[in-house]
mmCIF file of all heavy atoms, coordinates in Angstrom:
data_MODEL
# 
_entry.id   MODEL 
# 
loop_
_atom_site.group_PDB 
_atom_site.id 
_atom_site.type_symbol 
_atom_site.label_atom_id 
_atom_site.label_alt_id 
_atom_site.label_comp_id 
_atom_site.label_asym_id 
_atom_site.label_entity_id 
_atom_site.label_seq_id 
_atom_site.pdbx_PDB_ins_code 
_atom_site.Cartn_x 
_atom_site.Cartn_y 
_atom_site.Cartn_z 
_atom_site.occupancy 
_atom_site.B_iso_or_equiv 
_atom_site.pdbx_formal_charge 
_atom_site.auth_seq_id 
_atom_site.auth_comp_id 
_atom_site.auth_asym_id 
_atom_site.auth_atom_id 
_atom_site.pdbx_PDB_model_num 
ATOM 1   N N   . PRO A 1 1  ? -88.842  5.307   -21.672 1.00 0.00 ? 1  PRO A N   1 
ATOM 2   C CA  . PRO A 1 1  ? -87.406  5.293   -21.196 1.00 0.00 ? 1  PRO A CA  1 
ATOM 3   C C   . PRO A 1 1  ? -86.800  6.635   -21.292 1.00 0.00 ? 1  PRO A C   1 
ATOM 4   O O   . PRO A 1 1  ? -86.024  7.086   -20.347 1.00 0.00 ? 1  PRO A O   1 
ATOM 5   C CB  . PRO A 1 1  ? -86.753  4.315   -22.079 1.00 0.00 ? 1  PRO A CB  1 
ATOM 6   C CG  . PRO A 1 1  ? -87.798  3.333   -22.473 1.00 0.00 ? 1  PRO A CG  1 
ATOM 7   C CD  . PRO A 1 1  ? -89.088  4.144   -22.601 1.00 0.00 ? 1  PRO A CD  1 
ATOM 8   N N   . PRO A 1 2  ? -86.932  7.427   -22.336 1.00 0.00 ? 2  PRO A N   1 
ATOM 9   C CA  . PRO A 1 2  ? -86.233  8.782   -22.349 1.00 0.00 ? 2  PRO A CA  1 
ATOM 10  C C   . PRO A 1 2  ? -86.694  9.690   -21.104 1.00 0.00 ? 2  PRO A C   1 
ATOM 11  O O   . PRO A 1 2  ? -85.849  10.454  -20.666 1.00 0.00 ? 2  PRO A O   1 
ATOM 12  C CB  . PRO A 1 2  ? -86.745  9.410   -23.736 1.00 0.00 ? 2  PRO A CB  1 
ATOM 13  C CG  . PRO A 1 2  ? -87.055  8.250   -24.557 1.00 0.00 ? 2  PRO A CG  1 
ATOM 14  C CD  . PRO A 1 2  ? -87.723  7.241   -23.685 1.00 0.00 ? 2  PRO A CD  1 
ATOM 15  N N   . LEU A 1 3  ? -87.909  9.566   -20.786 1.00 0.00 ? 3  LEU A N   1 
ATOM 16  C CA  . LEU A 1 3  ? -88.362  10.478  -19.675 1.00 0.00 ? 3  LEU A CA  1 
ATOM 17  C C   . LEU A 1 3  ? -88.043  9.898   -18.285 1.00 0.00 ? 3  LEU A C   1 
ATOM 18  O O   . LEU A 1 3  ? -87.843  10.604  -17.360 1.00 0.00 ? 3  LEU A O   1 
ATOM 19  C CB  . LEU A 1 3  ? -89.864  10.611  -19.720 1.00 0.00 ? 3  LEU A CB  1 
ATOM 20  C CG  . LEU A 1 3  ? -90.411  11.381  -20.960 1.00 0.00 ? 3  LEU A CG  1 
ATOM 21  C CD1 . LEU A 1 3  ? -91.929  11.715  -20.850 1.00 0.00 ? 3  LEU A CD1 1 
ATOM 22  C CD2 . LEU A 1 3  ? -89.675  12.787  -21.057 1.00 0.00 ? 3  LEU A CD2 1 
ATOM 23  N N   . ARG A 1 4  ? -87.896  8.527   -18.185 1.00 0.00 ? 4  ARG A N   1 
ATOM 24  C CA  . ARG A 1 4  ? -87.425  7.924   -16.955 1.00 0.00 ? 4  ARG A CA  1 
ATOM 25  C C   . ARG A 1 4  ? -85.982  8.464   -16.502 1.00 0.00 ? 4  ARG A C   1 
ATOM 26  O O   . ARG A 1 4  ? -85.705  8.460   -15.396 1.00 0.00 ? 4  ARG A O   1 
ATOM 27  C CB  . ARG A 1 4  ? -87.394  6.425   -17.026 1.00 0.00 ? 4  ARG A CB  1 
ATOM 28  C CG  . ARG A 1 4  ? -88.814  5.787   -17.218 1.00 0.00 ? 4  ARG A CG  1 
ATOM 29  C CD  . ARG A 1 4  ? -88.666  4.297   -17.273 1.00 0.00 ? 4  ARG A CD  1 
ATOM 30  N NE  . ARG A 1 4  ? -89.674  3.734   -18.102 1.00 0.00 ? 4  ARG A NE  1 
ATOM 31  C CZ  . ARG A 1 4  ? -89.677  2.479   -18.599 1.00 0.00 ? 4  ARG A CZ  1 
ATOM 32  N NH1 . ARG A 1 4  ? -88.648  1.755   -18.319 1.00 0.00 ? 4  ARG A NH1 1 
ATOM 33  N NH2 . ARG A 1 4  ? -90.677  2.045   -19.323 1.00 0.00 ? 4  ARG A NH2 1 
ATOM 34  N N   . SER A 1 5  ? -85.197  8.737   -17.510 1.00 0.00 ? 5  SER A N   1 
ATOM 35  C CA  . SER A 1 5  ? -83.847  9.179   -17.200 1.00 0.00 ? 5  SER A CA  1 
ATOM 36  C C   . SER A 1 5  ? -83.738  10.668  -17.008 1.00 0.00 ? 5  SER A C   1 
ATOM 37  O O   . SER A 1 5  ? -82.638  11.227  -16.781 1.00 0.00 ? 5  SER A O   1 
ATOM 38  C CB  . SER A 1 5  ? -82.895  8.720   -18.355 1.00 0.00 ? 5  SER A CB  1 
ATOM 39  O OG  . SER A 1 5  ? -83.309  9.316   -19.615 1.00 0.00 ? 5  SER A OG  1 
ATOM 40  N N   . HIS A 1 6  ? -84.863  11.375  -17.082 1.00 0.00 ? 6  HIS A N   1 
ATOM 41  C CA  . HIS A 1 6  ? -84.898  12.838  -16.851 1.00 0.00 ? 6  HIS A CA  1 
ATOM 42  C C   . HIS A 1 6  ? -84.377  13.125  -15.459 1.00 0.00 ? 6  HIS A C   1 
ATOM 43  O O   . HIS A 1 6  ? -84.749  12.443  -14.407 1.00 0.00 ? 6  HIS A O   1 
ATOM 44  C CB  . HIS A 1 6  ? -86.249  13.386  -17.059 1.00 0.00 ? 6  HIS A CB  1 
ATOM 45  C CG  . HIS A 1 6  ? -86.289  14.907  -16.884 1.00 0.00 ? 6  HIS A CG  1 
ATOM 46  N ND1 . HIS A 1 6  ? -86.398  15.556  -15.698 1.00 0.00 ? 6  HIS A ND1 1 
ATOM 47  C CD2 . HIS A 1 6  ? -86.353  15.820  -17.895 1.00 0.00 ? 6  HIS A CD2 1 
ATOM 48  C CE1 . HIS A 1 6  ? -86.418  16.854  -15.955 1.00 0.00 ? 6  HIS A CE1 1 
ATOM 49  N NE2 . HIS A 1 6  ? -86.422  17.065  -17.237 1.00 0.00 ? 6  HIS A NE2 1 
ATOM 50  N N   . PRO A 1 7  ? -83.403  14.051  -15.251 1.00 0.00 ? 7  PRO A N   1 
ATOM 51  C CA  . PRO A 1 7  ? -82.854  14.324  -13.990 1.00 0.00 ? 7  PRO A CA  1 
ATOM 52  C C   . PRO A 1 7  ? -83.892  14.599  -12.858 1.00 0.00 ? 7  PRO A C   1 
ATOM 53  O O   . PRO A 1 7  ? -83.729  14.169  -11.742 1.00 0.00 ? 7  PRO A O   1 
ATOM 54  C CB  . PRO A 1 7  ? -81.888  15.603  -14.163 1.00 0.00 ? 7  PRO A CB  1 
ATOM 55  C CG  . PRO A 1 7  ? -81.664  15.498  -15.627 1.00 0.00 ? 7  PRO A CG  1 
ATOM 56  C CD  . PRO A 1 7  ? -82.815  14.907  -16.302 1.00 0.00 ? 7  PRO A CD  1 
ATOM 57  N N   . GLY A 1 8  ? -84.996  15.316  -13.192 1.00 0.00 ? 8  GLY A N   1 
ATOM 58  C CA  . GLY A 1 8  ? -85.982  15.656  -12.200 1.00 0.00 ? 8  GLY A CA  1 
ATOM 59  C C   . GLY A 1 8  ? -86.740  14.377  -11.803 1.00 0.00 ? 8  GLY A C   1 
ATOM 60  O O   . GLY A 1 8  ? -87.080  14.189  -10.601 1.00 0.00 ? 8  GLY A O   1 
ATOM 61  N N   . ILE A 1 9  ? -86.972  13.443  -12.715 1.00 0.00 ? 9  ILE A N   1 
ATOM 62  C CA  . ILE A 1 9  ? -87.594  12.160  -12.370 1.00 0.00 ? 9  ILE A CA  1 
ATOM 63  C C   . ILE A 1 9  ? -86.704  11.269  -11.451 1.00 0.00 ? 9  ILE A C   1 
ATOM 64  O O   . ILE A 1 9  ? -87.124  10.789  -10.426 1.00 0.00 ? 9  ILE A O   1 
ATOM 65  C CB  . ILE A 1 9  ? -87.945  11.461  -13.668 1.00 0.00 ? 9  ILE A CB  1 
ATOM 66  C CG1 . ILE A 1 9  ? -88.970  12.226  -14.486 1.00 0.00 ? 9  ILE A CG1 1 
ATOM 67  C CG2 . ILE A 1 9  ? -88.491  10.072  -13.273 1.00 0.00 ? 9  ILE A CG2 1 
ATOM 68  C CD1 . ILE A 1 9  ? -90.315  12.437  -13.798 1.00 0.00 ? 9  ILE A CD1 1 
ATOM 69  N N   . ARG A 1 10 ? -85.463  11.212  -11.844 1.00 0.00 ? 10 ARG A N   1 
ATOM 70  C CA  . ARG A 1 10 ? -84.522  10.424  -11.071 1.00 0.00 ? 10 ARG A CA  1 
ATOM 71  C C   . ARG A 1 10 ? -84.315  10.911  -9.680  1.00 0.00 ? 10 ARG A C   1 
ATOM 72  O O   . ARG A 1 10 ? -84.202  10.195  -8.709  1.00 0.00 ? 10 ARG A O   1 
ATOM 73  C CB  . ARG A 1 10 ? -83.261  10.294  -11.857 1.00 0.00 ? 10 ARG A CB  1 
ATOM 74  C CG  . ARG A 1 10 ? -83.313  9.573   -13.202 1.00 0.00 ? 10 ARG A CG  1 
ATOM 75  C CD  . ARG A 1 10 ? -82.117  9.580   -14.006 1.00 0.00 ? 10 ARG A CD  1 
ATOM 76  N NE  . ARG A 1 10 ? -80.961  8.861   -13.274 1.00 0.00 ? 10 ARG A NE  1 
ATOM 77  C CZ  . ARG A 1 10 ? -79.715  8.749   -13.774 1.00 0.00 ? 10 ARG A CZ  1 
ATOM 78  N NH1 . ARG A 1 10 ? -79.441  9.309   -14.921 1.00 0.00 ? 10 ARG A NH1 1 
ATOM 79  N NH2 . ARG A 1 10 ? -78.845  8.143   -13.132 1.00 0.00 ? 10 ARG A NH2 1 
ATOM 80  N N   . SER A 1 11 ? -84.227  12.242  -9.532  1.00 0.00 ? 11 SER A N   1 
ATOM 81  C CA  . SER A 1 11 ? -84.027  12.808  -8.195  1.00 0.00 ? 11 SER A CA  1 
ATOM 82  C C   . SER A 1 11 ? -85.151  12.551  -7.252  1.00 0.00 ? 11 SER A C   1 
ATOM 83  O O   . SER A 1 11 ? -85.059  12.354  -6.119  1.00 0.00 ? 11 SER A O   1 
ATOM 84  C CB  . SER A 1 11 ? -83.740  14.343  -8.316  1.00 0.00 ? 11 SER A CB  1 
ATOM 85  O OG  . SER A 1 11 ? -84.883  15.050  -8.783  1.00 0.00 ? 11 SER A OG  1 
ATOM 86  N N   . ARG A 1 12 ? -86.383  12.650  -7.805  1.00 0.00 ? 12 ARG A N   1 
ATOM 87  C CA  . ARG A 1 12 ? -87.506  12.446  -6.985  1.00 0.00 ? 12 ARG A CA  1 
ATOM 88  C C   . ARG A 1 12 ? -87.644  10.876  -6.505  1.00 0.00 ? 12 ARG A C   1 
ATOM 89  O O   . ARG A 1 12 ? -87.915  10.636  -5.370  1.00 0.00 ? 12 ARG A O   1 
ATOM 90  C CB  . ARG A 1 12 ? -88.845  12.777  -7.721  1.00 0.00 ? 12 ARG A CB  1 
ATOM 91  C CG  . ARG A 1 12 ? -88.987  14.279  -7.891  1.00 0.00 ? 12 ARG A CG  1 
ATOM 92  C CD  . ARG A 1 12 ? -90.461  14.620  -8.149  1.00 0.00 ? 12 ARG A CD  1 
ATOM 93  N NE  . ARG A 1 12 ? -90.663  16.009  -8.348  1.00 0.00 ? 12 ARG A NE  1 
ATOM 94  C CZ  . ARG A 1 12 ? -91.873  16.590  -8.463  1.00 0.00 ? 12 ARG A CZ  1 
ATOM 95  N NH1 . ARG A 1 12 ? -92.929  15.818  -8.362  1.00 0.00 ? 12 ARG A NH1 1 
ATOM 96  N NH2 . ARG A 1 12 ? -91.993  17.890  -8.667  1.00 0.00 ? 12 ARG A NH2 1 
ATOM 97  N N   . LEU A 1 13 ? -87.373  9.979   -7.449  1.00 0.00 ? 13 LEU A N   1 
ATOM 98  C CA  . LEU A 1 13 ? -87.285  8.585   -7.093  1.00 0.00 ? 13 LEU A CA  1 
ATOM 99  C C   . LEU A 1 13 ? -86.243  8.337   -6.028  1.00 0.00 ? 13 LEU A C   1 
ATOM 100 O O   . LEU A 1 13 ? -86.465  7.440   -5.098  1.00 0.00 ? 13 LEU A O   1 
ATOM 101 C CB  . LEU A 1 13 ? -87.058  7.739   -8.330  1.00 0.00 ? 13 LEU A CB  1 
ATOM 102 C CG  . LEU A 1 13 ? -88.238  7.569   -9.258  1.00 0.00 ? 13 LEU A CG  1 
ATOM 103 C CD1 . LEU A 1 13 ? -87.889  6.750   -10.465 1.00 0.00 ? 13 LEU A CD1 1 
ATOM 104 C CD2 . LEU A 1 13 ? -89.333  6.755   -8.531  1.00 0.00 ? 13 LEU A CD2 1 
ATOM 105 N N   . ALA A 1 14 ? -85.133  9.052   -6.085  1.00 0.00 ? 14 ALA A N   1 
ATOM 106 C CA  . ALA A 1 14 ? -84.112  8.778   -5.043  1.00 0.00 ? 14 ALA A CA  1 
ATOM 107 C C   . ALA A 1 14 ? -84.401  9.286   -3.766  1.00 0.00 ? 14 ALA A C   1 
ATOM 108 O O   . ALA A 1 14 ? -83.738  8.906   -2.678  1.00 0.00 ? 14 ALA A O   1 
ATOM 109 C CB  . ALA A 1 14 ? -82.813  9.391   -5.613  1.00 0.00 ? 14 ALA A CB  1 
ATOM 110 N N   . MET A 1 15 ? -85.429  10.090  -3.591  1.00 0.00 ? 15 MET A N   1 
ATOM 111 C CA  . MET A 1 15 ? -85.823  10.686  -2.270  1.00 0.00 ? 15 MET A CA  1 
ATOM 112 C C   . MET A 1 15 ? -86.716  9.759   -1.441  1.00 0.00 ? 15 MET A C   1 
ATOM 113 O O   . MET A 1 15 ? -86.782  9.839   -0.266  1.00 0.00 ? 15 MET A O   1 
ATOM 114 C CB  . MET A 1 15 ? -86.639  11.974  -2.489  1.00 0.00 ? 15 MET A CB  1 
ATOM 115 C CG  . MET A 1 15 ? -85.796  13.167  -2.948  1.00 0.00 ? 15 MET A CG  1 
ATOM 116 S SD  . MET A 1 15 ? -86.833  14.623  -3.164  1.00 0.00 ? 15 MET A SD  1 
ATOM 117 C CE  . MET A 1 15 ? -85.595  15.817  -3.583  1.00 0.00 ? 15 MET A CE  1 
ATOM 118 N N   . VAL A 1 16 ? -87.262  8.733   -2.086  1.00 0.00 ? 16 VAL A N   1 
ATOM 119 C CA  . VAL A 1 16 ? -88.199  7.834   -1.369  1.00 0.00 ? 16 VAL A CA  1 
ATOM 120 C C   . VAL A 1 16 ? -87.816  6.420   -1.573  1.00 0.00 ? 16 VAL A C   1 
ATOM 121 O O   . VAL A 1 16 ? -87.080  6.077   -2.409  1.00 0.00 ? 16 VAL A O   1 
ATOM 122 C CB  . VAL A 1 16 ? -89.615  8.060   -1.824  1.00 0.00 ? 16 VAL A CB  1 
ATOM 123 C CG1 . VAL A 1 16 ? -90.150  9.426   -1.470  1.00 0.00 ? 16 VAL A CG1 1 
ATOM 124 C CG2 . VAL A 1 16 ? -89.759  7.909   -3.330  1.00 0.00 ? 16 VAL A CG2 1 
ATOM 125 N N   . ARG A 1 17 ? -88.451  5.510   -0.707  1.00 0.00 ? 17 ARG A N   1 
ATOM 126 C CA  . ARG A 1 17 ? -88.170  4.080   -0.877  1.00 0.00 ? 17 ARG A CA  1 
ATOM 127 C C   . ARG A 1 17 ? -89.551  3.348   -0.653  1.00 0.00 ? 17 ARG A C   1 
ATOM 128 O O   . ARG A 1 17 ? -90.493  3.990   -0.224  1.00 0.00 ? 17 ARG A O   1 
ATOM 129 C CB  . ARG A 1 17 ? -87.113  3.591   0.212   1.00 0.00 ? 17 ARG A CB  1 
ATOM 130 C CG  . ARG A 1 17 ? -87.485  3.849   1.595   1.00 0.00 ? 17 ARG A CG  1 
ATOM 131 C CD  . ARG A 1 17 ? -86.308  3.650   2.543   1.00 0.00 ? 17 ARG A CD  1 
ATOM 132 N NE  . ARG A 1 17 ? -86.609  3.834   3.896   1.00 0.00 ? 17 ARG A NE  1 
ATOM 133 C CZ  . ARG A 1 17 ? -86.959  2.921   4.792   1.00 0.00 ? 17 ARG A CZ  1 
ATOM 134 N NH1 . ARG A 1 17 ? -87.092  1.635   4.300   1.00 0.00 ? 17 ARG A NH1 1 
ATOM 135 N NH2 . ARG A 1 17 ? -87.244  3.162   6.134   1.00 0.00 ? 17 ARG A NH2 1 
ATOM 136 N N   . HIS A 1 18 ? -89.443  2.125   -1.064  1.00 0.00 ? 18 HIS A N   1 
ATOM 137 C CA  . HIS A 1 18 ? -90.719  1.333   -1.083  1.00 0.00 ? 18 HIS A CA  1 
ATOM 138 C C   . HIS A 1 18 ? -91.206  1.167   0.378   1.00 0.00 ? 18 HIS A C   1 
ATOM 139 O O   . HIS A 1 18 ? -90.360  0.850   1.316   1.00 0.00 ? 18 HIS A O   1 
ATOM 140 C CB  . HIS A 1 18 ? -90.548  -0.030  -1.772  1.00 0.00 ? 18 HIS A CB  1 
ATOM 141 C CG  . HIS A 1 18 ? -90.285  0.078   -3.213  1.00 0.00 ? 18 HIS A CG  1 
ATOM 142 N ND1 . HIS A 1 18 ? -91.340  0.158   -4.157  1.00 0.00 ? 18 HIS A ND1 1 
ATOM 143 C CD2 . HIS A 1 18 ? -89.191  0.092   -3.929  1.00 0.00 ? 18 HIS A CD2 1 
ATOM 144 C CE1 . HIS A 1 18 ? -90.817  0.169   -5.343  1.00 0.00 ? 18 HIS A CE1 1 
ATOM 145 N NE2 . HIS A 1 18 ? -89.496  0.158   -5.225  1.00 0.00 ? 18 HIS A NE2 1 
ATOM 146 N N   . GLY A 1 19 ? -92.486  1.227   0.620   1.00 0.00 ? 19 GLY A N   1 
ATOM 147 C CA  . GLY A 1 19 ? -93.009  0.835   1.921   1.00 0.00 ? 19 GLY A CA  1 
ATOM 148 C C   . GLY A 1 19 ? -92.968  -0.639  2.104   1.00 0.00 ? 19 GLY A C   1 
ATOM 149 O O   . GLY A 1 19 ? -92.744  -1.462  1.228   1.00 0.00 ? 19 GLY A O   1 
ATOM 150 N N   . MET A 1 20 ? -93.257  -1.025  3.375   1.00 0.00 ? 20 MET A N   1 
ATOM 151 C CA  . MET A 1 20 ? -93.189  -2.436  3.710   1.00 0.00 ? 20 MET A CA  1 
ATOM 152 C C   . MET A 1 20 ? -94.482  -3.158  3.099   1.00 0.00 ? 20 MET A C   1 
ATOM 153 O O   . MET A 1 20 ? -95.502  -2.471  3.052   1.00 0.00 ? 20 MET A O   1 
ATOM 154 C CB  . MET A 1 20 ? -93.248  -2.612  5.236   1.00 0.00 ? 20 MET A CB  1 
ATOM 155 C CG  . MET A 1 20 ? -92.874  -4.042  5.729   1.00 0.00 ? 20 MET A CG  1 
ATOM 156 S SD  . MET A 1 20 ? -92.727  -4.009  7.514   1.00 0.00 ? 20 MET A SD  1 
ATOM 157 C CE  . MET A 1 20 ? -92.052  -5.705  7.823   1.00 0.00 ? 20 MET A CE  1 
ATOM 158 N N   . GLY A 1 21 ? -94.350  -4.418  2.709   1.00 0.00 ? 21 GLY A N   1 
ATOM 159 C CA  . GLY A 1 21 ? -95.459  -5.053  2.174   1.00 0.00 ? 21 GLY A CA  1 
ATOM 160 C C   . GLY A 1 21 ? -96.479  -5.467  3.188   1.00 0.00 ? 21 GLY A C   1 
ATOM 161 O O   . GLY A 1 21 ? -96.294  -5.253  4.341   1.00 0.00 ? 21 GLY A O   1 
ATOM 162 N N   . SER A 1 22 ? -97.608  -5.969  2.719   1.00 0.00 ? 22 SER A N   1 
ATOM 163 C CA  . SER A 1 22 ? -98.675  -6.442  3.706   1.00 0.00 ? 22 SER A CA  1 
ATOM 164 C C   . SER A 1 22 ? -99.053  -7.828  3.448   1.00 0.00 ? 22 SER A C   1 
ATOM 165 O O   . SER A 1 22 ? -98.920  -8.359  2.291   1.00 0.00 ? 22 SER A O   1 
ATOM 166 C CB  . SER A 1 22 ? -99.862  -5.473  3.567   1.00 0.00 ? 22 SER A CB  1 
ATOM 167 O OG  . SER A 1 22 ? -100.342 -5.534  2.242   1.00 0.00 ? 22 SER A OG  1 
ATOM 168 N N   . PHE A 1 23 ? -99.543  -8.448  4.500   1.00 0.00 ? 23 PHE A N   1 
ATOM 169 C CA  . PHE A 1 23 ? -100.073 -9.842  4.429   1.00 0.00 ? 23 PHE A CA  1 
ATOM 170 C C   . PHE A 1 23 ? -101.527 -9.784  4.886   1.00 0.00 ? 23 PHE A C   1 
ATOM 171 O O   . PHE A 1 23 ? -101.776 -9.332  6.021   1.00 0.00 ? 23 PHE A O   1 
ATOM 172 C CB  . PHE A 1 23 ? -99.186  -10.741 5.226   1.00 0.00 ? 23 PHE A CB  1 
ATOM 173 C CG  . PHE A 1 23 ? -99.550  -12.299 5.072   1.00 0.00 ? 23 PHE A CG  1 
ATOM 174 C CD1 . PHE A 1 23 ? -98.843  -13.069 4.243   1.00 0.00 ? 23 PHE A CD1 1 
ATOM 175 C CD2 . PHE A 1 23 ? -100.617 -12.807 5.771   1.00 0.00 ? 23 PHE A CD2 1 
ATOM 176 C CE1 . PHE A 1 23 ? -99.115  -14.417 4.063   1.00 0.00 ? 23 PHE A CE1 1 
ATOM 177 C CE2 . PHE A 1 23 ? -100.973 -14.089 5.664   1.00 0.00 ? 23 PHE A CE2 1 
ATOM 178 C CZ  . PHE A 1 23 ? -100.152 -14.943 4.806   1.00 0.00 ? 23 PHE A CZ  1 
ATOM 179 N N   . LEU A 1 24 ? -102.449 -10.333 4.180   1.00 0.00 ? 24 LEU A N   1 
ATOM 180 C CA  . LEU A 1 24 ? -103.901 -10.266 4.487   1.00 0.00 ? 24 LEU A CA  1 
ATOM 181 C C   . LEU A 1 24 ? -104.470 -11.698 4.616   1.00 0.00 ? 24 LEU A C   1 
ATOM 182 O O   . LEU A 1 24 ? -103.998 -12.602 3.892   1.00 0.00 ? 24 LEU A O   1 
ATOM 183 C CB  . LEU A 1 24 ? -104.644 -9.428  3.493   1.00 0.00 ? 24 LEU A CB  1 
ATOM 184 C CG  . LEU A 1 24 ? -104.351 -7.968  3.429   1.00 0.00 ? 24 LEU A CG  1 
ATOM 185 C CD1 . LEU A 1 24 ? -103.345 -7.777  2.173   1.00 0.00 ? 24 LEU A CD1 1 
ATOM 186 C CD2 . LEU A 1 24 ? -105.512 -7.084  3.290   1.00 0.00 ? 24 LEU A CD2 1 
ATOM 187 N N   . VAL A 1 25 ? -105.413 -11.788 5.539   1.00 0.00 ? 25 VAL A N   1 
ATOM 188 C CA  . VAL A 1 25 ? -106.201 -13.053 5.646   1.00 0.00 ? 25 VAL A CA  1 
ATOM 189 C C   . VAL A 1 25 ? -107.643 -12.677 5.532   1.00 0.00 ? 25 VAL A C   1 
ATOM 190 O O   . VAL A 1 25 ? -108.198 -11.803 6.221   1.00 0.00 ? 25 VAL A O   1 
ATOM 191 C CB  . VAL A 1 25 ? -105.935 -13.788 6.986   1.00 0.00 ? 25 VAL A CB  1 
ATOM 192 C CG1 . VAL A 1 25 ? -106.716 -15.083 6.964   1.00 0.00 ? 25 VAL A CG1 1 
ATOM 193 C CG2 . VAL A 1 25 ? -104.511 -13.972 7.205   1.00 0.00 ? 25 VAL A CG2 1 
ATOM 194 N N   . PHE A 1 26 ? -108.329 -13.343 4.522   1.00 0.00 ? 26 PHE A N   1 
ATOM 195 C CA  . PHE A 1 26 ? -109.760 -13.160 4.303   1.00 0.00 ? 26 PHE A CA  1 
ATOM 196 C C   . PHE A 1 26 ? -110.541 -14.302 4.786   1.00 0.00 ? 26 PHE A C   1 
ATOM 197 O O   . PHE A 1 26 ? -110.314 -15.485 4.403   1.00 0.00 ? 26 PHE A O   1 
ATOM 198 C CB  . PHE A 1 26 ? -110.074 -12.904 2.835   1.00 0.00 ? 26 PHE A CB  1 
ATOM 199 C CG  . PHE A 1 26 ? -109.216 -11.747 2.202   1.00 0.00 ? 26 PHE A CG  1 
ATOM 200 C CD1 . PHE A 1 26 ? -108.044 -12.105 1.441   1.00 0.00 ? 26 PHE A CD1 1 
ATOM 201 C CD2 . PHE A 1 26 ? -109.534 -10.474 2.338   1.00 0.00 ? 26 PHE A CD2 1 
ATOM 202 C CE1 . PHE A 1 26 ? -107.303 -11.138 0.826   1.00 0.00 ? 26 PHE A CE1 1 
ATOM 203 C CE2 . PHE A 1 26 ? -108.788 -9.469  1.850   1.00 0.00 ? 26 PHE A CE2 1 
ATOM 204 C CZ  . PHE A 1 26 ? -107.625 -9.781  1.095   1.00 0.00 ? 26 PHE A CZ  1 
# 
């Protein structure tokens, strides 16, 4: 937790978002 709140970590996370999920059929 202490490192998750680091400004450099938070700023990088704020730059990106989750990709779309996938659905597979085997």
